[in-house]
PDB file of N, CA and C in Angstrom:
ATOM      1  N   UNK A   1      -4.911   8.492 -10.078  1.00  0.00           N
ATOM      2  CA  UNK A   1      -4.486   7.802 -11.493  1.00  0.00           C
ATOM      3  C   UNK A   1      -3.023   7.832 -11.177  1.00  0.00           C
ATOM      4  N   UNK A   2      -2.031   8.494 -10.575  1.00  0.00           N
ATOM      5  CA  UNK A   2      -0.498   8.221 -10.411  1.00  0.00           C
ATOM      6  C   UNK A   2      -0.527   6.925  -9.483  1.00  0.00           C
ATOM      7  N   UNK A   3      -1.230   6.597  -8.697  1.00  0.00           N
ATOM      8  CA  UNK A   3      -1.074   5.307  -7.934  1.00  0.00           C
ATOM      9  C   UNK A   3      -1.220   4.319  -8.571  1.00  0.00           C
ATOM     10  N   UNK A   4      -2.251   4.320  -9.404  1.00  0.00           N
ATOM     11  CA  UNK A   4      -2.343   3.139 -10.478  1.00  0.00           C
ATOM     12  C   UNK A   4      -1.057   2.766 -11.278  1.00  0.00           C
ATOM     13  N   UNK A   5      -0.565   3.904 -11.934  1.00  0.00           N
ATOM     14  CA  UNK A   5       0.937   3.799 -12.616  1.00  0.00           C
ATOM     15  C   UNK A   5       1.733   3.392 -11.857  1.00  0.00           C
ATOM     16  N   UNK A   6       1.992   4.020 -10.726  1.00  0.00           N
ATOM     17  CA  UNK A   6       3.045   3.415  -9.802  1.00  0.00           C
ATOM     18  C   UNK A   6       3.044   2.089  -9.426  1.00  0.00           C
ATOM     19  N   UNK A   7       1.796   1.420  -9.254  1.00  0.00           N
ATOM     20  CA  UNK A   7       1.703   0.197  -9.005  1.00  0.00           C
ATOM     21  C   UNK A   7       1.855  -0.703 -10.110  1.00  0.00           C
ATOM     22  N   UNK A   8       1.348  -0.171 -11.293  1.00  0.00           N
ATOM     23  CA  UNK A   8       1.865  -0.759 -12.651  1.00  0.00           C
ATOM     24  C   UNK A   8       3.251  -1.061 -12.721  1.00  0.00           C
ATOM     25  N   UNK A   9       3.890   0.253 -12.655  1.00  0.00           N
ATOM     26  CA  UNK A   9       5.415   0.292 -12.849  1.00  0.00           C
ATOM     27  C   UNK A   9       6.109  -0.747 -12.027  1.00  0.00           C
ATOM     28  N   UNK A  10       5.762  -0.922 -10.473  1.00  0.00           N
ATOM     29  CA  UNK A  10       6.321  -2.002  -9.518  1.00  0.00           C
ATOM     30  C   UNK A  10       6.091  -3.318 -10.128  1.00  0.00           C
ATOM     31  N   UNK A  11       4.948  -3.737 -10.418  1.00  0.00           N
ATOM     32  CA  UNK A  11       4.670  -4.709 -10.846  1.00  0.00           C
ATOM     33  C   UNK A  11       5.873  -5.283 -12.423  1.00  0.00           C
ATOM     34  N   UNK A  12       5.647  -4.312 -13.002  1.00  0.00           N
ATOM     35  CA  UNK A  12       6.579  -4.418 -14.284  1.00  0.00           C
ATOM     36  C   UNK A  12       8.211  -4.971 -13.903  1.00  0.00           C
ATOM     37  N   UNK A  13       8.445  -3.965 -12.704  1.00  0.00           N
ATOM     38  CA  UNK A  13      10.021  -4.060 -12.278  1.00  0.00           C
ATOM     39  C   UNK A  13      10.011  -5.430 -11.923  1.00  0.00           C
ATOM     40  N   UNK A  14       9.093  -5.936 -10.653  1.00  0.00           N
ATOM     41  CA  UNK A  14       9.132  -7.094 -10.103  1.00  0.00           C
ATOM     42  C   UNK A  14       9.245  -8.436 -10.942  1.00  0.00           C
ATOM     43  N   UNK A  15       8.841  -8.171 -12.315  1.00  0.00           N
ATOM     44  CA  UNK A  15       8.343  -9.321 -13.120  1.00  0.00           C
ATOM     45  C   UNK A  15       9.324  -9.175 -14.181  1.00  0.00           C
ATOM     46  N   UNK A  16      10.559  -8.709 -14.241  1.00  0.00           N
ATOM     47  CA  UNK A  16      11.435  -8.637 -15.193  1.00  0.00           C
ATOM     48  C   UNK A  16      12.140 -10.001 -15.614  1.00  0.00           C
ATOM     49  N   UNK A  17      12.151 -10.374 -16.661  1.00  0.00           N
ATOM     50  CA  UNK A  17      12.769 -11.825 -17.075  1.00  0.00           C
ATOM     51  C   UNK A  17      14.268 -11.829 -17.066  1.00  0.00           C
ATOM     52  N   UNK A  18      14.909 -12.430 -16.496  1.00  0.00           N
ATOM     53  CA  UNK A  18      16.541 -12.393 -16.532  1.00  0.00           C
ATOM     54  C   UNK A  18      17.248 -13.480 -17.728  1.00  0.00           C
ATOM     55  N   UNK A  19      17.929 -13.055 -18.197  1.00  0.00           N
ATOM     56  CA  UNK A  19      18.516 -13.995 -19.235  1.00  0.00           C
ATOM     57  C   UNK A  19      20.108 -14.161 -19.091  1.00  0.00           C
ATOM     58  N   UNK A  20      20.389 -14.889 -19.969  1.00  0.00           N
ATOM     59  CA  UNK A  20      22.058 -15.147 -20.237  1.00  0.00           C
ATOM     60  C   UNK A  20      22.270 -14.650 -21.497  1.00  0.00           C
ATOM     61  N   UNK A  21      23.774 -14.266 -21.700  1.00  0.00           N
ATOM     62  CA  UNK A  21      24.798 -14.337 -20.693  1.00  0.00           C
ATOM     63  C   UNK A  21      24.828 -13.055 -19.554  1.00  0.00           C
ATOM     64  N   UNK A  22      23.754 -11.888 -19.911  1.00  0.00           N
ATOM     65  CA  UNK A  22      23.889 -10.785 -19.029  1.00  0.00           C
ATOM     66  C   UNK A  22      22.990 -10.551 -18.033  1.00  0.00           C
ATOM     67  N   UNK A  23      22.631 -11.844 -17.242  1.00  0.00           N
ATOM     68  CA  UNK A  23      21.674 -12.018 -16.396  1.00  0.00           C
ATOM     69  C   UNK A  23      22.052 -10.936 -15.168  1.00  0.00           C
ATOM     70  N   UNK A  24      21.523  -9.819 -15.264  1.00  0.00           N
ATOM     71  CA  UNK A  24      21.697  -8.787 -14.465  1.00  0.00           C
ATOM     72  C   UNK A  24      20.422  -8.005 -14.186  1.00  0.00           C
ATOM     73  N   UNK A  25      20.047  -7.740 -12.755  1.00  0.00           N
ATOM     74  CA  UNK A  25      18.748  -6.975 -12.478  1.00  0.00           C
ATOM     75  C   UNK A  25      19.338  -5.863 -11.483  1.00  0.00           C
ATOM     76  N   UNK A  26      18.829  -4.508 -11.898  1.00  0.00           N
ATOM     77  CA  UNK A  26      19.674  -3.674 -10.886  1.00  0.00           C
ATOM     78  C   UNK A  26      18.274  -2.933 -10.218  1.00  0.00           C
ATOM     79  N   UNK A  27      18.667  -2.457  -8.793  1.00  0.00           N
ATOM     80  CA  UNK A  27      17.642  -1.958  -7.912  1.00  0.00           C
ATOM     81  C   UNK A  27      17.707  -0.559  -8.377  1.00  0.00           C
ATOM     82  N   UNK A  28      16.004  -0.228  -8.354  1.00  0.00           N
ATOM     83  CA  UNK A  28      15.773   1.203  -8.498  1.00  0.00           C
ATOM     84  C   UNK A  28      16.121   2.332  -7.673  1.00  0.00           C
ATOM     85  N   UNK A  29      16.610   3.327  -7.856  1.00  0.00           N
ATOM     86  CA  UNK A  29      16.934   4.386  -7.061  1.00  0.00           C
ATOM     87  C   UNK A  29      15.732   5.148  -6.658  1.00  0.00           C
ATOM     88  N   UNK A  30      15.859   6.266  -5.795  1.00  0.00           N
ATOM     89  CA  UNK A  30      14.802   7.134  -5.614  1.00  0.00           C
ATOM     90  C   UNK A  30      14.298   7.795  -6.930  1.00  0.00           C
ATOM     91  N   UNK A  31      12.968   7.484  -7.297  1.00  0.00           N
ATOM     92  CA  UNK A  31      12.259   8.386  -8.716  1.00  0.00           C
ATOM     93  C   UNK A  31      11.340   9.561  -8.023  1.00  0.00           C
ATOM     94  N   UNK A  32      11.444  10.524  -8.937  1.00  0.00           N
ATOM     95  CA  UNK A  32      10.439  11.592  -8.723  1.00  0.00           C
ATOM     96  C   UNK A  32       8.965  10.953  -8.852  1.00  0.00           C
ATOM     97  N   UNK A  33       8.186  11.042  -8.201  1.00  0.00           N
ATOM     98  CA  UNK A  33       6.850  10.628  -8.646  1.00  0.00           C
ATOM     99  C   UNK A  33       6.211  10.858  -9.840  1.00  0.00           C
ATOM    100  N   UNK A  34       6.497  11.893 -10.527  1.00  0.00           N
ATOM    101  CA  UNK A  34       6.378  12.593 -11.614  1.00  0.00           C
ATOM    102  C   UNK A  34       6.759  11.877 -12.956  1.00  0.00           C
ATOM    103  N   UNK A  35       8.012  11.044 -12.836  1.00  0.00           N
ATOM    104  CA  UNK A  35       8.798  10.602 -13.823  1.00  0.00           C
ATOM    105  C   UNK A  35       9.126   9.021 -13.502  1.00  0.00           C
ATOM    106  N   UNK A  36       8.419   8.300 -14.357  1.00  0.00           N
ATOM    107  CA  UNK A  36       8.828   6.815 -13.861  1.00  0.00           C
ATOM    108  C   UNK A  36       9.433   6.141 -15.189  1.00  0.00           C
ATOM    109  N   UNK A  37      10.491   6.449 -15.522  1.00  0.00           N
ATOM    110  CA  UNK A  37      10.908   5.951 -16.877  1.00  0.00           C
ATOM    111  C   UNK A  37      11.947   4.889 -16.525  1.00  0.00           C
ATOM    112  N   UNK A  38      12.368   4.130 -17.648  1.00  0.00           N
ATOM    113  CA  UNK A  38      13.137   3.134 -17.449  1.00  0.00           C
ATOM    114  C   UNK A  38      14.009   2.816 -18.764  1.00  0.00           C
ATOM    115  N   UNK A  39      15.121   2.117 -18.900  1.00  0.00           N
ATOM    116  CA  UNK A  39      15.668   1.752 -19.904  1.00  0.00           C
ATOM    117  C   UNK A  39      15.965   0.349 -19.806  1.00  0.00           C
ATOM    118  N   UNK A  40      15.620  -0.602 -20.791  1.00  0.00           N
ATOM    119  CA  UNK A  40      15.874  -1.972 -21.055  1.00  0.00           C
ATOM    120  C   UNK A  40      16.845  -2.186 -22.068  1.00  0.00           C
ATOM    121  N   UNK A  41      17.925  -3.055 -21.390  1.00  0.00           N
ATOM    122  CA  UNK A  41      19.119  -3.555 -22.460  1.00  0.00           C
ATOM    123  C   UNK A  41      18.934  -4.561 -22.827  1.00  0.00           C
ATOM    124  N   UNK A  42      19.004  -4.926 -24.114  1.00  0.00           N
ATOM    125  CA  UNK A  42      18.955  -6.460 -24.903  1.00  0.00           C
ATOM    126  C   UNK A  42      20.223  -6.856 -25.485  1.00  0.00           C
ATOM    127  N   UNK A  43      20.169  -8.371 -25.147  1.00  0.00           N
ATOM    128  CA  UNK A  43      21.635  -8.927 -25.603  1.00  0.00           C
ATOM    129  C   UNK A  43      21.505  -9.191 -26.984  1.00  0.00           C
ATOM    130  N   UNK A  44      22.588  -9.755 -27.742  1.00  0.00           N
ATOM    131  CA  UNK A  44      22.746 -10.093 -29.181  1.00  0.00           C
ATOM    132  C   UNK A  44      21.459 -10.937 -29.618  1.00  0.00           C
ATOM    133  N   UNK A  45      20.689 -11.762 -28.825  1.00  0.00           N
ATOM    134  CA  UNK A  45      19.818 -12.321 -29.403  1.00  0.00           C
ATOM    135  C   UNK A  45      18.386 -11.861 -28.969  1.00  0.00           C
ATOM    136  N   UNK A  46      18.378 -10.576 -28.401  1.00  0.00           N
ATOM    137  CA  UNK A  46      16.928  -9.949 -28.322  1.00  0.00           C
ATOM    138  C   UNK A  46      16.567 -10.281 -27.494  1.00  0.00           C
ATOM    139  N   UNK A  47      16.847 -10.742 -26.267  1.00  0.00           N
ATOM    140  CA  UNK A  47      16.614 -11.134 -24.889  1.00  0.00           C
ATOM    141  C   UNK A  47      16.761  -9.647 -23.906  1.00  0.00           C
ATOM    142  N   UNK A  48      15.623  -9.324 -23.176  1.00  0.00           N
ATOM    143  CA  UNK A  48      15.793  -8.463 -22.407  1.00  0.00           C
ATOM    144  C   UNK A  48      16.458  -8.853 -21.365  1.00  0.00           C
ATOM    145  N   UNK A  49      17.816  -7.972 -20.802  1.00  0.00           N
ATOM    146  CA  UNK A  49      18.566  -8.603 -19.713  1.00  0.00           C
ATOM    147  C   UNK A  49      18.865  -7.780 -18.735  1.00  0.00           C
ATOM    148  N   UNK A  50      18.575  -6.411 -19.006  1.00  0.00           N
ATOM    149  CA  UNK A  50      18.681  -5.639 -17.914  1.00  0.00           C
ATOM    150  C   UNK A  50      17.883  -4.467 -17.800  1.00  0.00           C
ATOM    151  N   UNK A  51      17.287  -3.999 -16.808  1.00  0.00           N
ATOM    152  CA  UNK A  51      16.235  -2.976 -16.509  1.00  0.00           C
ATOM    153  C   UNK A  51      16.874  -1.975 -15.700  1.00  0.00           C
ATOM    154  N   UNK A  52      17.137  -0.613 -15.906  1.00  0.00           N
ATOM    155  CA  UNK A  52      17.507   0.470 -15.282  1.00  0.00           C
ATOM    156  C   UNK A  52      16.475   1.530 -15.026  1.00  0.00           C
ATOM    157  N   UNK A  53      16.239   1.883 -13.812  1.00  0.00           N
ATOM    158  CA  UNK A  53      15.344   3.084 -13.628  1.00  0.00           C
ATOM    159  C   UNK A  53      16.303   4.217 -12.854  1.00  0.00           C
ATOM    160  N   UNK A  54      17.561   4.190 -12.550  1.00  0.00           N
ATOM    161  CA  UNK A  54      18.616   5.024 -11.976  1.00  0.00           C
ATOM    162  C   UNK A  54      20.059   4.824 -12.681  1.00  0.00           C
ATOM    163  N   UNK A  55      20.672   6.043 -12.130  1.00  0.00           N
ATOM    164  CA  UNK A  55      22.184   5.468 -12.361  1.00  0.00           C
ATOM    165  C   UNK A  55      23.042   4.349 -12.021  1.00  0.00           C
ATOM    166  N   UNK A  56      23.650   3.766 -12.550  1.00  0.00           N
ATOM    167  CA  UNK A  56      24.655   2.789 -12.050  1.00  0.00           C
ATOM    168  C   UNK A  56      25.947   2.937 -12.546  1.00  0.00           C
ATOM    169  N   UNK A  57      26.796   3.453 -11.817  1.00  0.00           N
ATOM    170  CA  UNK A  57      27.853   4.147 -12.220  1.00  0.00           C
ATOM    171  C   UNK A  57      29.168   3.266 -12.676  1.00  0.00           C
ATOM    172  N   UNK A  58      29.032   1.770 -12.088  1.00  0.00           N
ATOM    173  CA  UNK A  58      30.043   0.580 -12.255  1.00  0.00           C
ATOM    174  C   UNK A  58      29.536  -0.445 -12.335  1.00  0.00           C
ATOM    175  N   UNK A  59      29.290  -1.076 -13.665  1.00  0.00           N
ATOM    176  CA  UNK A  59      28.856  -2.490 -13.665  1.00  0.00           C
ATOM    177  C   UNK A  59      29.886  -3.441 -13.490  1.00  0.00           C
ATOM    178  N   UNK A  60      30.246  -4.153 -12.660  1.00  0.00           N
ATOM    179  CA  UNK A  60      31.701  -4.774 -12.461  1.00  0.00           C
ATOM    180  C   UNK A  60      32.195  -5.633 -13.595  1.00  0.00           C
ATOM    181  N   UNK A  61      31.209  -6.236 -14.283  1.00  0.00           N
ATOM    182  CA  UNK A  61      31.599  -7.559 -15.360  1.00  0.00           C
ATOM    183  C   UNK A  61      31.105  -6.491 -16.692  1.00  0.00           C
ATOM    184  N   UNK A  62      30.296  -5.408 -16.702  1.00  0.00           N
ATOM    185  CA  UNK A  62      29.692  -4.949 -18.128  1.00  0.00           C
ATOM    186  C   UNK A  62      28.882  -5.784 -18.537  1.00  0.00           C
ATOM    187  N   UNK A  63      28.291  -5.212 -19.361  1.00  0.00           N
ATOM    188  CA  UNK A  63      27.272  -5.991 -20.276  1.00  0.00           C
ATOM    189  C   UNK A  63      27.409  -5.805 -21.886  1.00  0.00           C
ATOM    190  N   UNK A  64      27.155  -6.929 -22.504  1.00  0.00           N
ATOM    191  CA  UNK A  64      27.168  -7.110 -23.832  1.00  0.00           C
ATOM    192  C   UNK A  64      25.972  -6.465 -24.742  1.00  0.00           C
ATOM    193  N   UNK A  65      25.560  -6.007 -24.879  1.00  0.00           N
ATOM    194  CA  UNK A  65      24.150  -5.481 -25.324  1.00  0.00           C
ATOM    195  C   UNK A  65      24.112  -4.926 -26.829  1.00  0.00           C
ATOM    196  N   UNK A  66      23.119  -5.207 -27.492  1.00  0.00           N
ATOM    197  CA  UNK A  66      22.792  -4.933 -28.850  1.00  0.00           C
ATOM    198  C   UNK A  66      21.778  -3.679 -29.063  1.00  0.00           C
ATOM    199  N   UNK A  67      21.081  -3.575 -28.160  1.00  0.00           N
ATOM    200  CA  UNK A  67      19.669  -2.678 -28.341  1.00  0.00           C
ATOM    201  C   UNK A  67      19.490  -2.214 -26.886  1.00  0.00           C
ATOM    202  N   UNK A  68      18.570  -0.783 -27.021  1.00  0.00           N
ATOM    203  CA  UNK A  68      18.211  -0.475 -25.691  1.00  0.00           C
ATOM    204  C   UNK A  68      16.827   0.122 -25.950  1.00  0.00           C
ATOM    205  N   UNK A  69      15.800  -0.045 -24.714  1.00  0.00           N
ATOM    206  CA  UNK A  69      14.764   0.422 -25.300  1.00  0.00           C
ATOM    207  C   UNK A  69      14.002   1.553 -24.125  1.00  0.00           C
ATOM    208  N   UNK A  70      13.568   2.292 -24.606  1.00  0.00           N
ATOM    209  CA  UNK A  70      13.387   3.444 -23.377  1.00  0.00           C
ATOM    210  C   UNK A  70      11.999   3.358 -23.217  1.00  0.00           C
ATOM    211  N   UNK A  71      11.546   3.566 -22.290  1.00  0.00           N
ATOM    212  CA  UNK A  71      10.112   3.484 -21.803  1.00  0.00           C
ATOM    213  C   UNK A  71       9.852   4.671 -20.799  1.00  0.00           C
ATOM    214  N   UNK A  72       8.495   5.453 -20.742  1.00  0.00           N
ATOM    215  CA  UNK A  72       8.119   6.407 -19.971  1.00  0.00           C
ATOM    216  C   UNK A  72       8.999   7.582 -20.086  1.00  0.00           C
ATOM    217  N   UNK A  73       9.298   8.214 -19.033  1.00  0.00           N
ATOM    218  CA  UNK A  73      10.123   9.665 -19.368  1.00  0.00           C
ATOM    219  C   UNK A  73      11.641   9.392 -18.852  1.00  0.00           C
ATOM    220  N   UNK A  74      12.286  10.434 -19.231  1.00  0.00           N
ATOM    221  CA  UNK A  74      13.611  10.536 -18.895  1.00  0.00           C
ATOM    222  C   UNK A  74      14.503  10.192 -19.895  1.00  0.00           C
ATOM    223  N   UNK A  75      15.847  10.195 -19.796  1.00  0.00           N
ATOM    224  CA  UNK A  75      17.159  10.070 -20.790  1.00  0.00           C
ATOM    225  C   UNK A  75      18.014   9.271 -19.946  1.00  0.00           C
ATOM    226  N   UNK A  76      18.774   8.469 -20.788  1.00  0.00           N
ATOM    227  CA  UNK A  76      20.155   7.726 -20.293  1.00  0.00           C
ATOM    228  C   UNK A  76      21.138   7.987 -21.178  1.00  0.00           C
ATOM    229  N   UNK A  77      22.272   7.809 -20.425  1.00  0.00           N
ATOM    230  CA  UNK A  77      23.463   7.925 -21.317  1.00  0.00           C
ATOM    231  C   UNK A  77      24.271   6.330 -20.873  1.00  0.00           C
ATOM    232  N   UNK A  78      24.691   5.498 -21.861  1.00  0.00           N
ATOM    233  CA  UNK A  78      25.452   4.513 -21.588  1.00  0.00           C
ATOM    234  C   UNK A  78      26.581   4.673 -22.277  1.00  0.00           C
ATOM    235  N   UNK A  79      27.877   3.970 -21.055  1.00  0.00           N
ATOM    236  CA  UNK A  79      29.222   4.020 -21.274  1.00  0.00           C
ATOM    237  C   UNK A  79      29.781   2.676 -21.593  1.00  0.00           C
ATOM    238  N   UNK A  80      30.885   2.795 -22.328  1.00  0.00           N
ATOM    239  CA  UNK A  80      31.818   1.654 -22.498  1.00  0.00           C
ATOM    240  C   UNK A  80      32.612   1.497 -20.948  1.00  0.00           C
ATOM    241  N   UNK A  81      32.888   2.369 -20.446  1.00  0.00           N
ATOM    242  CA  UNK A  81      33.500   2.279 -18.936  1.00  0.00           C
ATOM    243  C   UNK A  81      32.996   2.635 -17.971  1.00  0.00           C
ATOM    244  N   UNK A  82      33.443   2.342 -16.626  1.00  0.00           N
ATOM    245  CA  UNK A  82      32.703   3.050 -15.501  1.00  0.00           C
ATOM    246  C   UNK A  82      33.177   4.223 -15.310  1.00  0.00           C
ATOM    247  N   UNK A  83      32.186   4.746 -14.675  1.00  0.00           N
ATOM    248  CA  UNK A  83      32.230   6.406 -14.173  1.00  0.00           C
ATOM    249  C   UNK A  83      32.442   7.088 -15.581  1.00  0.00           C
ATOM    250  N   UNK A  84      31.489   7.020 -16.360  1.00  0.00           N
ATOM    251  CA  UNK A  84      31.280   7.881 -17.587  1.00  0.00           C
ATOM    252  C   UNK A  84      32.507   7.926 -18.659  1.00  0.00           C
ATOM    253  N   UNK A  85      33.146   6.719 -18.415  1.00  0.00           N
ATOM    254  CA  UNK A  85      34.368   6.759 -19.152  1.00  0.00           C
ATOM    255  C   UNK A  85      34.080   5.814 -20.769  1.00  0.00           C
ATOM    256  N   UNK A  86      35.092   6.405 -21.468  1.00  0.00           N
ATOM    257  CA  UNK A  86      35.004   5.574 -23.073  1.00  0.00           C
ATOM    258  C   UNK A  86      33.784   6.452 -23.831  1.00  0.00           C
ATOM    259  N   UNK A  87      33.560   5.436 -24.824  1.00  0.00           N
ATOM    260  CA  UNK A  87      32.761   6.009 -25.820  1.00  0.00           C
ATOM    261  C   UNK A  87      31.296   5.912 -25.079  1.00  0.00           C
ATOM    262  N   UNK A  88      30.285   6.720 -25.503  1.00  0.00           N
ATOM    263  CA  UNK A  88      28.750   6.651 -25.158  1.00  0.00           C
ATOM    264  C   UNK A  88      27.741   6.491 -26.067  1.00  0.00           C
ATOM    265  N   UNK A  89      26.782   6.333 -25.650  1.00  0.00           N
ATOM    266  CA  UNK A  89      25.441   6.688 -26.358  1.00  0.00           C
ATOM    267  C   UNK A  89      24.212   7.067 -25.757  1.00  0.00           C
ATOM    268  N   UNK A  90      23.560   8.100 -26.006  1.00  0.00           N
ATOM    269  CA  UNK A  90      22.595   8.706 -25.461  1.00  0.00           C
ATOM    270  C   UNK A  90      21.416   8.193 -25.595  1.00  0.00           C
ATOM    271  N   UNK A  91      20.466   7.903 -25.156  1.00  0.00           N
ATOM    272  CA  UNK A  91      19.284   7.182 -25.318  1.00  0.00           C
ATOM    273  C   UNK A  91      17.961   8.075 -25.112  1.00  0.00           C
ATOM    274  N   UNK A  92      17.735   8.877 -25.927  1.00  0.00           N
ATOM    275  CA  UNK A  92      16.694  10.042 -25.567  1.00  0.00           C
ATOM    276  C   UNK A  92      15.117   9.753 -26.197  1.00  0.00           C
ATOM    277  N   UNK A  93      15.006   8.823 -27.048  1.00  0.00           N
ATOM    278  CA  UNK A  93      13.891   8.843 -27.830  1.00  0.00           C
ATOM    279  C   UNK A  93      13.109   7.359 -27.289  1.00  0.00           C
ATOM    280  N   UNK A  94      11.857   7.199 -27.164  1.00  0.00           N
ATOM    281  CA  UNK A  94      10.902   6.191 -26.867  1.00  0.00           C
ATOM    282  C   UNK A  94      11.267   4.745 -27.655  1.00  0.00           C
ATOM    283  N   UNK A  95      11.134   3.856 -27.322  1.00  0.00           N
ATOM    284  CA  UNK A  95      11.316   2.833 -28.351  1.00  0.00           C
ATOM    285  C   UNK A  95      12.608   2.043 -28.182  1.00  0.00           C
ATOM    286  N   UNK A  96      12.750   1.244 -29.143  1.00  0.00           N
ATOM    287  CA  UNK A  96      14.252   0.525 -29.360  1.00  0.00           C
ATOM    288  C   UNK A  96      15.189   1.181 -30.192  1.00  0.00           C
ATOM    289  N   UNK A  97      16.358   1.166 -29.598  1.00  0.00           N
ATOM    290  CA  UNK A  97      17.391   1.790 -30.807  1.00  0.00           C
ATOM    291  C   UNK A  97      18.480   0.716 -30.400  1.00  0.00           C
ATOM    292  N   UNK A  98      19.259   0.725 -31.821  1.00  0.00           N
ATOM    293  CA  UNK A  98      20.577   0.009 -31.590  1.00  0.00           C
ATOM    294  C   UNK A  98      21.649   0.592 -31.119  1.00  0.00           C
ATOM    295  N   UNK A  99      22.432   0.013 -30.080  1.00  0.00           N
ATOM    296  CA  UNK A  99      23.610   0.389 -29.510  1.00  0.00           C
ATOM    297  C   UNK A  99      24.801  -0.193 -30.151  1.00  0.00           C
ATOM    298  N   UNK A 100      25.637   1.056 -30.509  1.00  0.00           N
ATOM    299  CA  UNK A 100      26.929   0.911 -31.007  1.00  0.00           C
ATOM    300  C   UNK A 100      28.296   0.708 -30.233  1.00  0.00           C
ATOM    301  N   UNK A 101      27.950   0.082 -28.767  1.00  0.00           N
ATOM    302  CA  UNK A 101      29.175  -0.034 -27.984  1.00  0.00           C
ATOM    303  C   UNK A 101      29.807  -1.358 -28.160  1.00  0.00           C
ATOM    304  N   UNK A 102      31.016  -1.996 -27.674  1.00  0.00           N
ATOM    305  CA  UNK A 102      31.420  -3.058 -27.490  1.00  0.00           C
ATOM    306  C   UNK A 102      30.923  -3.630 -26.209  1.00  0.00           C
ATOM    307  N   UNK A 103      30.715  -3.017 -25.077  1.00  0.00           N
ATOM    308  CA  UNK A 103      30.073  -3.099 -23.657  1.00  0.00           C
ATOM    309  C   UNK A 103      29.685  -1.939 -23.264  1.00  0.00           C
ATOM    310  N   UNK A 104      28.717  -2.322 -22.192  1.00  0.00           N
ATOM    311  CA  UNK A 104      28.319  -1.143 -21.171  1.00  0.00           C
ATOM    312  C   UNK A 104      28.627  -1.675 -20.130  1.00  0.00           C
ATOM    313  N   UNK A 105      29.374  -0.647 -19.493  1.00  0.00           N
ATOM    314  CA  UNK A 105      29.846  -0.378 -17.972  1.00  0.00           C
ATOM    315  C   UNK A 105      29.407   0.349 -17.004  1.00  0.00           C
ATOM    316  N   UNK A 106      28.536   1.464 -17.544  1.00  0.00           N
ATOM    317  CA  UNK A 106      28.033   2.240 -16.717  1.00  0.00           C
ATOM    318  C   UNK A 106      26.790   2.971 -17.458  1.00  0.00           C
ATOM    319  N   UNK A 107      25.746   3.268 -16.777  1.00  0.00           N
ATOM    320  CA  UNK A 107      24.419   3.942 -17.134  1.00  0.00           C
ATOM    321  C   UNK A 107      24.153   5.077 -16.271  1.00  0.00           C
ATOM    322  N   UNK A 108      23.985   6.133 -16.837  1.00  0.00           N
ATOM    323  CA  UNK A 108      23.723   7.366 -15.944  1.00  0.00           C
ATOM    324  C   UNK A 108      22.063   7.980 -16.375  1.00  0.00           C
ATOM    325  N   UNK A 109      21.371   8.056 -15.561  1.00  0.00           N
ATOM    326  CA  UNK A 109      20.278   8.703 -15.708  1.00  0.00           C
ATOM    327  C   UNK A 109      20.267  10.144 -16.189  1.00  0.00           C
ATOM    328  N   UNK A 110      19.775  10.593 -17.186  1.00  0.00           N
ATOM    329  CA  UNK A 110      20.290  12.154 -17.101  1.00  0.00           C
ATOM    330  C   UNK A 110      18.878  13.208 -17.283  1.00  0.00           C
ATOM    331  N   UNK A 111      19.152  14.350 -17.058  1.00  0.00           N
ATOM    332  CA  UNK A 111      18.008  15.354 -17.378  1.00  0.00           C
ATOM    333  C   UNK A 111      17.886  15.881 -18.738  1.00  0.00           C
ATOM    334  N   UNK A 112      16.602  15.441 -19.218  1.00  0.00           N
ATOM    335  CA  UNK A 112      16.823  15.508 -20.877  1.00  0.00           C
ATOM    336  C   UNK A 112      16.849  16.904 -21.249  1.00  0.00           C
ATOM    337  N   UNK A 113      16.009  17.779 -20.475  1.00  0.00           N
ATOM    338  CA  UNK A 113      16.464  19.352 -20.689  1.00  0.00           C
ATOM    339  C   UNK A 113      17.834  19.602 -20.991  1.00  0.00           C
ATOM    340  N   UNK A 114      18.793  19.097 -20.190  1.00  0.00           N
ATOM    341  CA  UNK A 114      20.181  19.309 -20.304  1.00  0.00           C
ATOM    342  C   UNK A 114      20.793  18.954 -21.462  1.00  0.00           C
ATOM    343  N   UNK A 115      20.479  17.616 -21.677  1.00  0.00           N
ATOM    344  CA  UNK A 115      20.738  17.006 -23.021  1.00  0.00           C
ATOM    345  C   UNK A 115      20.495  18.011 -24.250  1.00  0.00           C
ATOM    346  N   UNK A 116      19.114  18.053 -24.434  1.00  0.00           N
ATOM    347  CA  UNK A 116      18.594  18.828 -25.178  1.00  0.00           C
ATOM    348  C   UNK A 116      19.425  20.271 -25.553  1.00  0.00           C
ATOM    349  N   UNK A 117      19.771  20.942 -24.685  1.00  0.00           N
ATOM    350  CA  UNK A 117      20.614  22.319 -24.604  1.00  0.00           C
ATOM    351  C   UNK A 117      21.964  21.881 -25.426  1.00  0.00           C
ATOM    352  N   UNK A 118      22.564  20.816 -24.941  1.00  0.00           N
ATOM    353  CA  UNK A 118      23.722  20.405 -25.375  1.00  0.00           C
ATOM    354  C   UNK A 118      24.004  19.704 -26.670  1.00  0.00           C
ATOM    355  N   UNK A 119      22.580  19.588 -27.442  1.00  0.00           N
ATOM    356  CA  UNK A 119      22.888  18.912 -28.709  1.00  0.00           C
ATOM    357  C   UNK A 119      22.775  19.931 -29.819  1.00  0.00           C
TER     358      UNK A 119
END
């Protein structure tokens, strides 16, 4: 069963549609085979423009996004500045949510258990 889910995930990642103005695709880091979660960022017109499966501590140009969608397991924190700088939004629940940041310049995959303890 896990093998089929992994193949579906790889197919999903390889078929991500790229949009403007935030046309970026980020490579996946190493993932535990038990957790294949991702966060997709959407631009002002609702087009999916970036998919993350791991931490990216510095997005050179930053991304203007209005919404994020968490799929699978895992949690993410989005920051306005590189390396966890500036204001942040924590994405912990599956589905779409509005992002109240001017720009996203770093994305960190988090341990949900740690986030729950700090809430």
